[in-house]
C-alpha atoms as a PDB file:
ATOM      1  CA  MET A   1       0.000   0.000   0.000  1.00  0.00           C
ATOM      2  CA  ALA A   2       2.770   2.417   0.935  1.00  0.00           C
ATOM      3  CA  ASN A   3       4.363   2.028  -2.502  1.00  0.00           C
ATOM      4  CA  ILE A   4       1.356   3.278  -4.475  1.00  0.00           C
ATOM      5  CA  ASP A   5       2.740   6.221  -6.407  1.00  0.00           C
ATOM      6  CA  VAL A   6      -0.260   8.497  -6.176  1.00  0.00           C
ATOM      7  CA  LEU A   7      -0.179   8.322  -2.373  1.00  0.00           C
ATOM      8  CA  GLN A   8       3.403   9.483  -1.988  1.00  0.00           C
ATOM      9  CA  TYR A   9       3.789  12.863  -0.302  1.00  0.00           C
ATOM     10  CA  ASP A  10       5.233  14.655  -3.358  1.00  0.00           C
ATOM     11  CA  SER A  11       2.442  13.325  -5.544  1.00  0.00           C
ATOM     12  CA  LEU A  12      -0.184  14.398  -3.022  1.00  0.00           C
ATOM     13  CA  ILE A  13       1.241  17.910  -2.940  1.00  0.00           C
ATOM     14  CA  GLY A  14       1.376  18.105  -6.721  1.00  0.00           C
ATOM     15  CA  THR A  15      -2.138  16.751  -7.104  1.00  0.00           C
ATOM     16  CA  TYR A  16      -3.503  19.158  -4.502  1.00  0.00           C
ATOM     17  CA  GLU A  17      -1.817  22.170  -6.093  1.00  0.00           C
ATOM     18  CA  THR A  18      -3.112  21.365  -9.579  1.00  0.00           C
ATOM     19  CA  VAL A  19      -6.718  20.766  -8.512  1.00  0.00           C
ATOM     20  CA  LYS A  20      -8.850  23.602  -9.877  1.00  0.00           C
ATOM     21  CA  GLU A  21     -10.180  25.471  -6.873  1.00  0.00           C
ATOM     22  CA  VAL A  22     -13.569  27.104  -6.514  1.00  0.00           C
ATOM     23  CA  GLN A  23     -13.627  30.815  -7.318  1.00  0.00           C
ATOM     24  CA  LEU A  24     -14.460  32.930  -4.267  1.00  0.00           C
ATOM     25  CA  LYS A  25     -14.682  36.676  -4.739  1.00  0.00           C
ATOM     26  CA  GLY A  26     -13.353  37.730  -1.341  1.00  0.00           C
ATOM     27  CA  ILE A  27     -10.055  35.887  -0.992  1.00  0.00           C
ATOM     28  CA  ASP A  28      -9.485  36.091  -4.750  1.00  0.00           C
ATOM     29  CA  PHE A  29      -9.818  39.890  -4.557  1.00  0.00           C
ATOM     30  CA  TYR A  30      -7.945  40.475  -1.298  1.00  0.00           C
ATOM     31  CA  LYS A  31      -4.598  38.878  -2.072  1.00  0.00           C
ATOM     32  CA  ALA A  32      -2.961  40.414   0.968  1.00  0.00           C
ATOM     33  CA  ALA A  33       0.490  39.681   2.352  1.00  0.00           C
ATOM     34  CA  VAL A  34       0.969  36.312   4.038  1.00  0.00           C
ATOM     35  CA  THR A  35       2.890  36.285   7.328  1.00  0.00           C
ATOM     36  CA  PRO A  36       4.339  32.847   8.168  1.00  0.00           C
ATOM     37  CA  VAL A  37       4.031  31.903  11.842  1.00  0.00           C
ATOM     38  CA  GLU A  38       5.920  29.199  13.719  1.00  0.00           C
ATOM     39  CA  GLY A  39       3.288  27.241  15.581  1.00  0.00           C
ATOM     40  CA  ASP A  40      -0.299  28.396  15.928  1.00  0.00           C
ATOM     41  CA  ILE A  41      -0.187  31.802  17.654  1.00  0.00           C
ATOM     42  CA  ALA A  42      -0.866  34.825  15.460  1.00  0.00           C
ATOM     43  CA  LYS A  43       1.068  37.994  16.293  1.00  0.00           C
ATOM     44  CA  TRP A  44       0.721  41.283  14.463  1.00  0.00           C
ATOM     45  CA  ASP A  45       1.243  45.018  14.870  1.00  0.00           C
ATOM     46  CA  GLU A  46      -1.930  47.088  14.850  1.00  0.00           C
ATOM     47  CA  GLU A  47      -1.373  50.537  13.351  1.00  0.00           C
ATOM     48  CA  THR A  48      -3.372  53.672  14.124  1.00  0.00           C
ATOM     49  CA  ILE A  49      -2.606  57.211  12.995  1.00  0.00           C
ATOM     50  CA  THR A  50      -2.259  60.060  15.459  1.00  0.00           C
ATOM     51  CA  ARG A  51      -3.518  63.242  13.808  1.00  0.00           C
ATOM     52  CA  GLN A  52      -1.433  66.312  14.596  1.00  0.00           C
ATOM     53  CA  ALA A  53      -1.371  69.877  13.352  1.00  0.00           C
ATOM     54  CA  ASP A  54       0.559  70.431  10.134  1.00  0.00           C
ATOM     55  CA  ALA A  55       4.281  70.858  10.562  1.00  0.00           C
ATOM     56  CA  LYS A  56       5.495  74.433  10.633  1.00  0.00           C
ATOM     57  CA  LEU A  57       7.438  75.504   7.583  1.00  0.00           C
ATOM     58  CA  LYS A  58      11.161  75.994   8.136  1.00  0.00           C
ATOM     59  CA  SER A  59      13.701  78.388   6.749  1.00  0.00           C
ATOM     60  CA  ARG A  60      16.951  77.204   5.238  1.00  0.00           C
ATOM     61  CA  GLY A  61      19.277  75.734   7.864  1.00  0.00           C
ATOM     62  CA  ALA A  62      16.593  75.445  10.556  1.00  0.00           C
ATOM     63  CA  PRO A  63      16.551  72.224  12.639  1.00  0.00           C
ATOM     64  CA  SER A  64      14.008  69.550  11.741  1.00  0.00           C
ATOM     65  CA  GLY A  65      10.815  69.081  13.709  1.00  0.00           C
ATOM     66  CA  SER A  66       9.884  65.827  15.442  1.00  0.00           C
ATOM     67  CA  LYS A  67       6.463  64.228  15.026  1.00  0.00           C
ATOM     68  CA  ASN A  68       5.165  60.859  16.158  1.00  0.00           C
ATOM     69  CA  THR A  69       2.256  60.196  13.799  1.00  0.00           C
ATOM     70  CA  LEU A  70       1.880  56.419  14.129  1.00  0.00           C
ATOM     71  CA  ASN A  71       0.844  54.346  17.121  1.00  0.00           C
ATOM     72  CA  ILE A  72       1.735  50.644  17.145  1.00  0.00           C
ATOM     73  CA  ARG A  73       0.038  48.107  19.396  1.00  0.00           C
ATOM     74  CA  GLU A  74       1.128  44.470  19.516  1.00  0.00           C
ATOM     75  CA  ARG A  75      -1.740  41.995  19.090  1.00  0.00           C
ATOM     76  CA  ALA A  76      -1.916  38.211  19.445  1.00  0.00           C
ATOM     77  CA  SER A  77      -4.504  35.478  19.004  1.00  0.00           C
ATOM     78  CA  ASN A  78      -4.705  31.747  18.421  1.00  0.00           C
ATOM     79  CA  LEU A  79      -4.842  30.667  14.800  1.00  0.00           C
ATOM     80  CA  VAL A  80      -7.833  28.568  13.747  1.00  0.00           C
ATOM     81  CA  TYR A  81      -7.455  25.044  12.391  1.00  0.00           C
ATOM     82  CA  PHE A  82      -8.971  23.428   9.335  1.00  0.00           C
ATOM     83  CA  ASN A  83      -8.523  19.664   9.720  1.00  0.00           C
ATOM     84  CA  GLU A  84     -10.434  17.303   7.428  1.00  0.00           C
ATOM     85  CA  SER A  85      -9.704  13.978   5.737  1.00  0.00           C
ATOM     86  CA  PHE A  86     -11.038  11.166   3.589  1.00  0.00           C
ATOM     87  CA  LEU A  87     -10.255   7.435   3.579  1.00  0.00           C
ATOM     88  CA  ALA A  88      -8.988   5.726   0.440  1.00  0.00           C
ATOM     89  CA  THR A  89      -9.650   2.064   1.272  1.00  0.00           C
ATOM     90  CA  GLY A  90      -7.568  -0.818   0.016  1.00  0.00           C
ATOM     91  CA  ASP A  91     -10.484  -2.113  -2.039  1.00  0.00           C
ATOM     92  CA  ASP A  92     -10.944   1.285  -3.687  1.00  0.00           C
ATOM     93  CA  LEU A  93      -7.259   1.558  -4.518  1.00  0.00           C
ATOM     94  CA  ASN A  94      -7.065  -2.017  -5.773  1.00  0.00           C
ATOM     95  CA  ASN A  95      -9.685  -1.179  -8.375  1.00  0.00           C
ATOM     96  CA  LEU A  96      -7.690   1.881  -9.445  1.00  0.00           C
ATOM     97  CA  ARG A  97      -4.255   0.266  -9.707  1.00  0.00           C
ATOM     98  CA  GLN A  98      -3.302  -3.388  -9.901  1.00  0.00           C
ATOM     99  CA  SER A  99      -0.504  -4.474  -7.567  1.00  0.00           C
ATOM    100  CA  GLY A 100       2.919  -4.194  -9.192  1.00  0.00           C
ATOM    101  CA  SER A 101       1.688  -1.996 -12.040  1.00  0.00           C
ATOM    102  CA  ASN A 102       1.460   1.725 -12.706  1.00  0.00           C
ATOM    103  CA  VAL A 103      -1.115   1.303 -15.477  1.00  0.00           C
ATOM    104  CA  LYS A 104      -3.925   2.765 -13.410  1.00  0.00           C
ATOM    105  CA  ASP A 105      -1.983   5.615 -11.797  1.00  0.00           C
ATOM    106  CA  ASN A 106      -3.961   8.185 -13.786  1.00  0.00           C
ATOM    107  CA  ALA A 107      -7.174   6.707 -12.437  1.00  0.00           C
ATOM    108  CA  GLY A 108      -5.697   6.942  -8.956  1.00  0.00           C
ATOM    109  CA  LYS A 109      -4.792  10.584  -9.452  1.00  0.00           C
ATOM    110  CA  SER A 110      -8.285  11.311 -10.713  1.00  0.00           C
ATOM    111  CA  TYR A 111      -9.740   9.616  -7.630  1.00  0.00           C
ATOM    112  CA  LEU A 112      -7.490  11.658  -5.347  1.00  0.00           C
ATOM    113  CA  SER A 113      -8.197  14.871  -7.250  1.00  0.00           C
ATOM    114  CA  LYS A 114     -11.944  14.578  -6.781  1.00  0.00           C
ATOM    115  CA  ASN A 115     -11.599  14.015  -3.046  1.00  0.00           C
ATOM    116  CA  LEU A 116      -8.916  16.661  -2.594  1.00  0.00           C
ATOM    117  CA  LEU A 117     -11.035  19.123  -4.579  1.00  0.00           C
ATOM    118  CA  ALA A 118     -13.846  18.736  -2.059  1.00  0.00           C
ATOM    119  CA  LEU A 119     -11.485  19.370   0.875  1.00  0.00           C
ATOM    120  CA  LYS A 120      -9.672  22.228  -0.848  1.00  0.00           C
ATOM    121  CA  ASN A 121     -12.928  24.002  -1.628  1.00  0.00           C
ATOM    122  CA  MET A 122     -14.146  23.417   1.913  1.00  0.00           C
ATOM    123  CA  GLU A 123     -10.975  25.024   3.269  1.00  0.00           C
ATOM    124  CA  ARG A 124     -11.264  28.000   0.910  1.00  0.00           C
ATOM    125  CA  ARG A 125     -14.875  28.579   1.942  1.00  0.00           C
ATOM    126  CA  THR A 126     -13.731  28.558   5.562  1.00  0.00           C
ATOM    127  CA  ARG A 127     -11.124  31.186   4.746  1.00  0.00           C
ATOM    128  CA  GLU A 128     -13.732  33.238   2.877  1.00  0.00           C
ATOM    129  CA  ARG A 129     -16.114  33.118   5.829  1.00  0.00           C
ATOM    130  CA  LEU A 130     -13.410  34.233   8.267  1.00  0.00           C
ATOM    131  CA  LEU A 131     -12.265  37.025   5.934  1.00  0.00           C
ATOM    132  CA  PHE A 132     -15.694  38.654   5.816  1.00  0.00           C
ATOM    133  CA  SER A 133     -16.132  38.070   9.541  1.00  0.00           C
ATOM    134  CA  CYS A 134     -12.817  39.878  10.095  1.00  0.00           C
ATOM    135  CA  LEU A 135     -14.091  42.814   8.012  1.00  0.00           C
ATOM    136  CA  THR A 136     -16.916  43.339  10.521  1.00  0.00           C
ATOM    137  CA  GLY A 137     -14.250  44.362  13.063  1.00  0.00           C
ATOM    138  CA  ILE A 138     -15.058  41.349  15.252  1.00  0.00           C
ATOM    139  CA  LEU A 139     -13.787  38.014  13.953  1.00  0.00           C
ATOM    140  CA  ALA A 140     -16.281  35.396  15.150  1.00  0.00           C
ATOM    141  CA  TYR A 141     -16.243  31.620  14.773  1.00  0.00           C
ATOM    142  CA  THR A 142     -17.193  28.433  16.615  1.00  0.00           C
ATOM    143  CA  LEU A 143     -14.405  26.252  18.007  1.00  0.00           C
ATOM    144  CA  ASN A 144     -15.417  22.813  19.291  1.00  0.00           C
ATOM    145  CA  ASP A 145     -19.003  24.108  19.670  1.00  0.00           C
ATOM    146  CA  ILE A 146     -17.807  27.118  21.691  1.00  0.00           C
ATOM    147  CA  ALA A 147     -18.301  30.637  20.324  1.00  0.00           C
ATOM    148  CA  VAL A 148     -15.038  32.585  19.977  1.00  0.00           C
ATOM    149  CA  THR A 149     -14.562  36.249  19.094  1.00  0.00           C
ATOM    150  CA  VAL A 150     -11.413  38.209  18.291  1.00  0.00           C
ATOM    151  CA  ASP A 151     -11.730  42.003  18.514  1.00  0.00           C
ATOM    152  CA  MET A 152      -9.840  43.500  15.578  1.00  0.00           C
ATOM    153  CA  GLY A 153      -9.721  46.933  17.246  1.00  0.00           C
ATOM    154  CA  THR A 154     -12.028  48.734  14.805  1.00  0.00           C
ATOM    155  CA  ALA A 155     -13.518  51.916  16.295  1.00  0.00           C
ATOM    156  CA  GLY A 156     -17.256  52.346  16.755  1.00  0.00           C
ATOM    157  CA  ALA A 157     -17.279  55.167  14.203  1.00  0.00           C
ATOM    158  CA  ASN A 158     -16.243  52.601  11.586  1.00  0.00           C
ATOM    159  CA  LYS A 159     -19.395  50.557  12.256  1.00  0.00           C
ATOM    160  CA  PRO A 160     -22.055  53.149  11.416  1.00  0.00           C
ATOM    161  CA  THR A 161     -25.792  52.862  10.907  1.00  0.00           C
ATOM    162  CA  ALA A 162     -27.457  54.811   8.110  1.00  0.00           C
ATOM    163  CA  GLY A 163     -29.561  57.747   9.324  1.00  0.00           C
ATOM    164  CA  THR A 164     -32.388  56.739   6.990  1.00  0.00           C
ATOM    165  CA  SER A 165     -32.970  53.226   5.666  1.00  0.00           C
ATOM    166  CA  TRP A 166     -31.565  52.507   2.217  1.00  0.00           C
ATOM    167  CA  ALA A 167     -34.761  50.542   1.602  1.00  0.00           C
ATOM    168  CA  THR A 168     -36.503  53.911   1.216  1.00  0.00           C
ATOM    169  CA  ALA A 169     -36.385  55.076  -2.400  1.00  0.00           C
ATOM    170  CA  THR A 170     -35.814  58.745  -1.493  1.00  0.00           C
ATOM    171  CA  THR A 171     -32.848  58.140   0.874  1.00  0.00           C
ATOM    172  CA  ASP A 172     -29.758  60.195   0.011  1.00  0.00           C
ATOM    173  CA  ILE A 173     -27.359  57.263  -0.155  1.00  0.00           C
ATOM    174  CA  VAL A 174     -24.509  59.347  -1.560  1.00  0.00           C
ATOM    175  CA  SER A 175     -24.461  61.489   1.599  1.00  0.00           C
ATOM    176  CA  ASP A 176     -23.907  58.351   3.688  1.00  0.00           C
ATOM    177  CA  LEU A 177     -21.084  57.221   1.400  1.00  0.00           C
ATOM    178  CA  THR A 178     -19.391  60.616   1.555  1.00  0.00           C
ATOM    179  CA  ALA A 179     -19.591  60.718   5.352  1.00  0.00           C
ATOM    180  CA  TRP A 180     -18.230  57.193   5.786  1.00  0.00           C
ATOM    181  CA  LYS A 181     -15.362  57.831   3.380  1.00  0.00           C
ATOM    182  CA  ALA A 182     -14.404  60.841   5.500  1.00  0.00           C
ATOM    183  CA  VAL A 183     -14.361  58.684   8.660  1.00  0.00           C
ATOM    184  CA  VAL A 184     -11.809  56.292   7.131  1.00  0.00           C
ATOM    185  CA  GLU A 185      -9.651  58.998   5.570  1.00  0.00           C
ATOM    186  CA  GLU A 186      -9.454  60.858   8.890  1.00  0.00           C
ATOM    187  CA  ALA A 187      -8.778  57.744  10.980  1.00  0.00           C
ATOM    188  CA  SER A 188      -6.401  55.814   8.716  1.00  0.00           C
ATOM    189  CA  GLY A 189      -5.306  58.069   5.860  1.00  0.00           C
ATOM    190  CA  ARG A 190      -6.706  55.522   3.396  1.00  0.00           C
ATOM    191  CA  VAL A 191      -9.480  55.890   0.822  1.00  0.00           C
ATOM    192  CA  LEU A 192     -12.454  53.547   0.488  1.00  0.00           C
ATOM    193  CA  THR A 193     -12.663  52.137  -3.046  1.00  0.00           C
ATOM    194  CA  GLN A 194     -14.532  48.829  -2.714  1.00  0.00           C
ATOM    195  CA  ALA A 195     -17.999  47.915  -1.414  1.00  0.00           C
ATOM    196  CA  TRP A 196     -19.520  44.449  -1.004  1.00  0.00           C
ATOM    197  CA  ILE A 197     -23.285  43.961  -0.944  1.00  0.00           C
ATOM    198  CA  ASN A 198     -25.666  41.047  -1.468  1.00  0.00           C
ATOM    199  CA  ASP A 199     -28.870  40.906  -3.466  1.00  0.00           C
ATOM    200  CA  THR A 200     -30.884  42.596  -0.731  1.00  0.00           C
ATOM    201  CA  VAL A 201     -28.908  45.850  -0.787  1.00  0.00           C
ATOM    202  CA  ALA A 202     -28.559  45.626  -4.572  1.00  0.00           C
ATOM    203  CA  GLY A 203     -32.357  45.744  -4.675  1.00  0.00           C
ATOM    204  CA  TYR A 204     -32.337  48.914  -2.571  1.00  0.00           C
ATOM    205  CA  LEU A 205     -29.921  50.577  -4.997  1.00  0.00           C
ATOM    206  CA  LEU A 206     -32.017  49.553  -7.980  1.00  0.00           C
ATOM    207  CA  LYS A 207     -35.058  51.256  -6.434  1.00  0.00           C
ATOM    208  CA  ASN A 208     -33.270  54.352  -5.133  1.00  0.00           C
ATOM    209  CA  ASP A 209     -34.243  57.446  -7.080  1.00  0.00           C
ATOM    210  CA  SER A 210     -30.894  59.233  -6.983  1.00  0.00           C
ATOM    211  CA  ILE A 211     -28.764  56.139  -7.616  1.00  0.00           C
ATOM    212  CA  THR A 212     -30.737  54.847 -10.597  1.00  0.00           C
ATOM    213  CA  ALA A 213     -30.836  58.311 -12.143  1.00  0.00           C
ATOM    214  CA  TRP A 214     -27.082  58.666 -11.674  1.00  0.00           C
ATOM    215  CA  LEU A 215     -26.120  55.203 -12.981  1.00  0.00           C
ATOM    216  CA  GLY A 216     -28.555  54.962 -15.836  1.00  0.00           C
ATOM    217  CA  GLY A 217     -31.906  53.557 -14.783  1.00  0.00           C
ATOM    218  CA  SER A 218     -32.709  50.276 -16.521  1.00  0.00           C
ATOM    219  CA  SER A 219     -29.099  49.810 -17.652  1.00  0.00           C
ATOM    220  CA  LEU A 220     -28.133  49.443 -13.989  1.00  0.00           C
ATOM    221  CA  ALA A 221     -30.393  46.413 -13.585  1.00  0.00           C
ATOM    222  CA  GLU A 222     -29.023  44.921 -16.795  1.00  0.00           C
ATOM    223  CA  ARG A 223     -25.424  45.413 -15.628  1.00  0.00           C
ATOM    224  CA  ILE A 224     -26.095  43.682 -12.307  1.00  0.00           C
ATOM    225  CA  LEU A 225     -27.803  40.729 -13.992  1.00  0.00           C
ATOM    226  CA  LYS A 226     -24.944  40.260 -16.459  1.00  0.00           C
ATOM    227  CA  THR A 227     -21.848  40.897 -14.348  1.00  0.00           C
ATOM    228  CA  GLY A 228     -22.749  41.390 -10.679  1.00  0.00           C
ATOM    229  CA  GLN A 229     -20.974  44.733 -10.977  1.00  0.00           C
ATOM    230  CA  ILE A 230     -23.101  47.737 -10.092  1.00  0.00           C
ATOM    231  CA  GLY A 231     -20.564  50.395 -10.894  1.00  0.00           C
ATOM    232  CA  MET A 232     -18.840  53.339  -9.278  1.00  0.00           C
ATOM    233  CA  ILE A 233     -20.828  55.401  -6.773  1.00  0.00           C
ATOM    234  CA  ALA A 234     -19.071  58.333  -5.087  1.00  0.00           C
ATOM    235  CA  GLY A 235     -15.718  56.834  -6.049  1.00  0.00           C
ATOM    236  CA  ILE A 236     -16.567  53.398  -4.595  1.00  0.00           C
ATOM    237  CA  ASN A 237     -16.922  50.297  -6.752  1.00  0.00           C
ATOM    238  CA  PHE A 238     -19.947  48.238  -5.672  1.00  0.00           C
ATOM    239  CA  THR A 239     -19.884  44.461  -6.182  1.00  0.00           C
ATOM    240  CA  GLN A 240     -22.848  42.185  -5.553  1.00  0.00           C
ATOM    241  CA  TYR A 241     -21.802  38.922  -3.906  1.00  0.00           C
ATOM    242  CA  ASP A 242     -24.324  36.251  -2.978  1.00  0.00           C
ATOM    243  CA  GLY A 243     -21.857  33.464  -2.148  1.00  0.00           C
ATOM    244  CA  ALA A 244     -22.856  31.357   0.833  1.00  0.00           C
ATOM    245  CA  TYR A 245     -21.727  28.575   3.176  1.00  0.00           C
ATOM    246  CA  LEU A 246     -23.482  25.970   5.328  1.00  0.00           C
ATOM    247  CA  ASP A 247     -23.448  26.376   9.095  1.00  0.00           C
ATOM    248  CA  GLY A 248     -26.546  24.474  10.146  1.00  0.00           C
ATOM    249  CA  THR A 249     -28.376  26.731   7.704  1.00  0.00           C
ATOM    250  CA  THR A 250     -27.265  28.521   4.550  1.00  0.00           C
ATOM    251  CA  LYS A 251     -25.583  31.818   5.416  1.00  0.00           C
ATOM    252  CA  LYS A 252     -24.255  34.449   3.035  1.00  0.00           C
ATOM    253  CA  PHE A 253     -20.702  35.760   3.281  1.00  0.00           C
ATOM    254  CA  VAL A 254     -22.146  39.279   2.969  1.00  0.00           C
ATOM    255  CA  PRO A 255     -25.128  39.533   5.348  1.00  0.00           C
ATOM    256  CA  ASP A 256     -28.485  41.062   4.440  1.00  0.00           C
ATOM    257  CA  ASP A 257     -28.779  44.824   5.001  1.00  0.00           C
ATOM    258  CA  LYS A 258     -25.039  45.227   5.600  1.00  0.00           C
ATOM    259  CA  VAL A 259     -22.271  46.714   3.448  1.00  0.00           C
ATOM    260  CA  PHE A 260     -18.504  46.147   3.709  1.00  0.00           C
ATOM    261  CA  PHE A 261     -16.311  49.054   2.560  1.00  0.00           C
ATOM    262  CA  THR A 262     -12.532  48.710   2.175  1.00  0.00           C
ATOM    263  CA  PRO A 263      -9.500  50.400   0.596  1.00  0.00           C
ATOM    264  CA  PRO A 264      -7.668  48.704  -2.300  1.00  0.00           C
ATOM    265  CA  ALA A 265      -6.462  45.189  -1.493  1.00  0.00           C
ATOM    266  CA  ASP A 266      -2.745  46.002  -1.631  1.00  0.00           C
ATOM    267  CA  GLU A 267      -2.420  48.902   0.805  1.00  0.00           C
ATOM    268  CA  GLY A 268      -1.204  46.983   3.844  1.00  0.00           C
ATOM    269  CA  TRP A 269      -4.325  47.198   6.020  1.00  0.00           C
ATOM    270  CA  LEU A 270      -5.080  43.445   5.852  1.00  0.00           C
ATOM    271  CA  ALA A 271      -2.793  40.442   6.396  1.00  0.00           C
ATOM    272  CA  TYR A 272      -3.068  36.664   6.590  1.00  0.00           C
ATOM    273  CA  GLN A 273      -1.292  34.762   9.344  1.00  0.00           C
ATOM    274  CA  GLU A 274      -0.324  31.217   8.266  1.00  0.00           C
ATOM    275  CA  GLY A 275       0.883  28.738  10.879  1.00  0.00           C
ATOM    276  CA  THR A 276       2.676  25.384  10.865  1.00  0.00           C
ATOM    277  CA  VAL A 277       1.636  21.892  11.908  1.00  0.00           C
ATOM    278  CA  THR A 278       3.690  18.898  12.965  1.00  0.00           C
ATOM    279  CA  ILE A 279       3.244  15.548  11.240  1.00  0.00           C
ATOM    280  CA  VAL A 280       4.801  12.147  11.939  1.00  0.00           C
ATOM    281  CA  GLU A 281       6.339  10.424   8.920  1.00  0.00           C
ATOM    282  CA  ASP A 282       8.384   7.228   9.176  1.00  0.00           C
ATOM    283  CA  GLY A 283       8.674   7.752  12.911  1.00  0.00           C
ATOM    284  CA  GLU A 284      10.030  11.298  12.499  1.00  0.00           C
ATOM    285  CA  MET A 285       8.253  14.493  13.567  1.00  0.00           C
ATOM    286  CA  ILE A 286       8.295  17.049  10.746  1.00  0.00           C
ATOM    287  CA  VAL A 287       7.133  20.679  10.942  1.00  0.00           C
ATOM    288  CA  VAL A 288       5.393  21.686   7.714  1.00  0.00           C
ATOM    289  CA  PRO A 289       3.800  24.965   6.595  1.00  0.00           C
ATOM    290  CA  THR A 290       0.075  24.983   5.995  1.00  0.00           C
ATOM    291  CA  PRO A 291      -2.017  24.098   4.167  1.00  0.00           C
ATOM    292  CA  GLY A 292      -0.419  20.643   4.371  1.00  0.00           C
ATOM    293  CA  MET A 293      -1.391  17.287   2.870  1.00  0.00           C
ATOM    294  CA  TRP A 294      -0.256  13.840   3.966  1.00  0.00           C
ATOM    295  CA  ASN A 295      -1.504  10.287   4.373  1.00  0.00           C
ATOM    296  CA  VAL A 296      -1.568   7.769   7.219  1.00  0.00           C
ATOM    297  CA  THR A 297      -1.980   4.001   6.836  1.00  0.00           C
ATOM    298  CA  LYS A 298      -5.075   2.611   8.554  1.00  0.00           C
ATOM    299  CA  THR A 299      -5.607  -1.063   9.349  1.00  0.00           C
ATOM    300  CA  ASP A 300      -9.378  -1.270   9.870  1.00  0.00           C
ATOM    301  CA  PRO A 301     -10.645  -0.736   7.281  1.00  0.00           C
ATOM    302  CA  VAL A 302      -7.392  -1.185   5.379  1.00  0.00           C
ATOM    303  CA  GLY A 303      -6.543   1.978   3.492  1.00  0.00           C
ATOM    304  CA  GLU A 304      -4.860   5.346   3.489  1.00  0.00           C
ATOM    305  CA  LYS A 305      -6.309   8.272   5.400  1.00  0.00           C
ATOM    306  CA  VAL A 306      -5.529  11.425   3.402  1.00  0.00           C
ATOM    307  CA  LEU A 307      -5.588  14.645   5.436  1.00  0.00           C
ATOM    308  CA  VAL A 308      -5.699  18.333   4.578  1.00  0.00           C
ATOM    309  CA  LYS A 309      -4.781  20.551   7.497  1.00  0.00           C
ATOM    310  CA  SER A 310      -4.052  24.240   7.914  1.00  0.00           C
ATOM    311  CA  CYS A 311      -4.012  26.879  10.617  1.00  0.00           C
ATOM    312  CA  PHE A 312      -4.538  30.518   9.691  1.00  0.00           C
ATOM    313  CA  LEU A 313      -6.154  33.806  10.629  1.00  0.00           C
ATOM    314  CA  PRO A 314      -6.987  36.996   8.685  1.00  0.00           C
ATOM    315  CA  VAL A 315      -6.162  40.142  10.686  1.00  0.00           C
ATOM    316  CA  LEU A 316      -6.697  43.875  10.306  1.00  0.00           C
ATOM    317  CA  VAL A 317      -3.307  45.555  10.547  1.00  0.00           C
ATOM    318  CA  ALA A 318      -4.938  48.996  10.233  1.00  0.00           C
ATOM    319  CA  PRO A 319      -8.406  48.360  11.749  1.00  0.00           C
ATOM    320  CA  ASP A 320      -9.788  51.844  11.076  1.00  0.00           C
ATOM    321  CA  SER A 321      -9.363  51.365   7.320  1.00  0.00           C
ATOM    322  CA  ILE A 322     -12.736  49.638   6.887  1.00  0.00           C
ATOM    323  CA  ILE A 323     -16.412  50.463   7.284  1.00  0.00           C
ATOM    324  CA  TYR A 324     -19.025  47.882   8.242  1.00  0.00           C
ATOM    325  CA  ALA A 325     -22.359  49.608   7.828  1.00  0.00           C
ATOM    326  CA  ASP A 326     -25.927  48.728   8.741  1.00  0.00           C
ATOM    327  CA  VAL A 327     -28.058  50.358   6.048  1.00  0.00           C
ATOM    328  CA  THR A 328     -31.550  49.535   7.360  1.00  0.00           C
ATOM    329  CA  PRO A 329     -32.004  51.033  10.847  1.00  0.00           C
END
């Protein structure tokens, strides 16, 4: 069993990396920096800007001024684990590859690919869910049936509620957008450029008098139906995202009546912490980065247990760079 080519570690890694993964808008859009972590404790520096009066102009030869405009606070939290597996039984493998022959290796790789695809997509959906949870300012998840929250340090001003419901056709939505952009620019020095909504809020925009007049009436509805892209409103690109995951019930990554606003993905306000796990191979303990794939021989039923394991955490390095808004008070 141990000599089956498709179950060797290098082959598992190669198969896993070539499996076509599900497309998820959040983690595909926010390709932030990855910080490798030894073990499973996330540590990061939280940055906040201290606003001070403009520096006084100096004449030639005058000494420089001294300003401390950035506060740094060290943060730490446990990484979360994804740990799932499937069992490739001896009978299954025997039908894929006859003993002593490599003739059916391609069938074996196809079998592995299908199972690894399911686990890889499950892991990516977990990452997607935690990303959007992080963007609320409070990262929330369930660990061994116990609710866990990690406060990202986002100020209350960055979690506003609209003065008038966006569900009302006459609401001045642009005024809300302008005000919330100012909150982020003042607190972090960054500019909001991206908004995430689901079909509920998209419906509000479609029915809003000022928005539909600005973006072109019926052409707005056509654009949403074709691309999911609503367009630029007050300098912010709105994207409709109705992706969902199962957690007892079906839940959307972007909740109803809420909007996520962020700066561009590459401005250093978001980071991913990636930990390591320890595996035992041939009696030796090996530390490997995650996500990791390996197999363990089982005797009852006879087969190979193939595991996918990772530990990770998305974190807000500059927590006042985002807005998480409730638009239906």
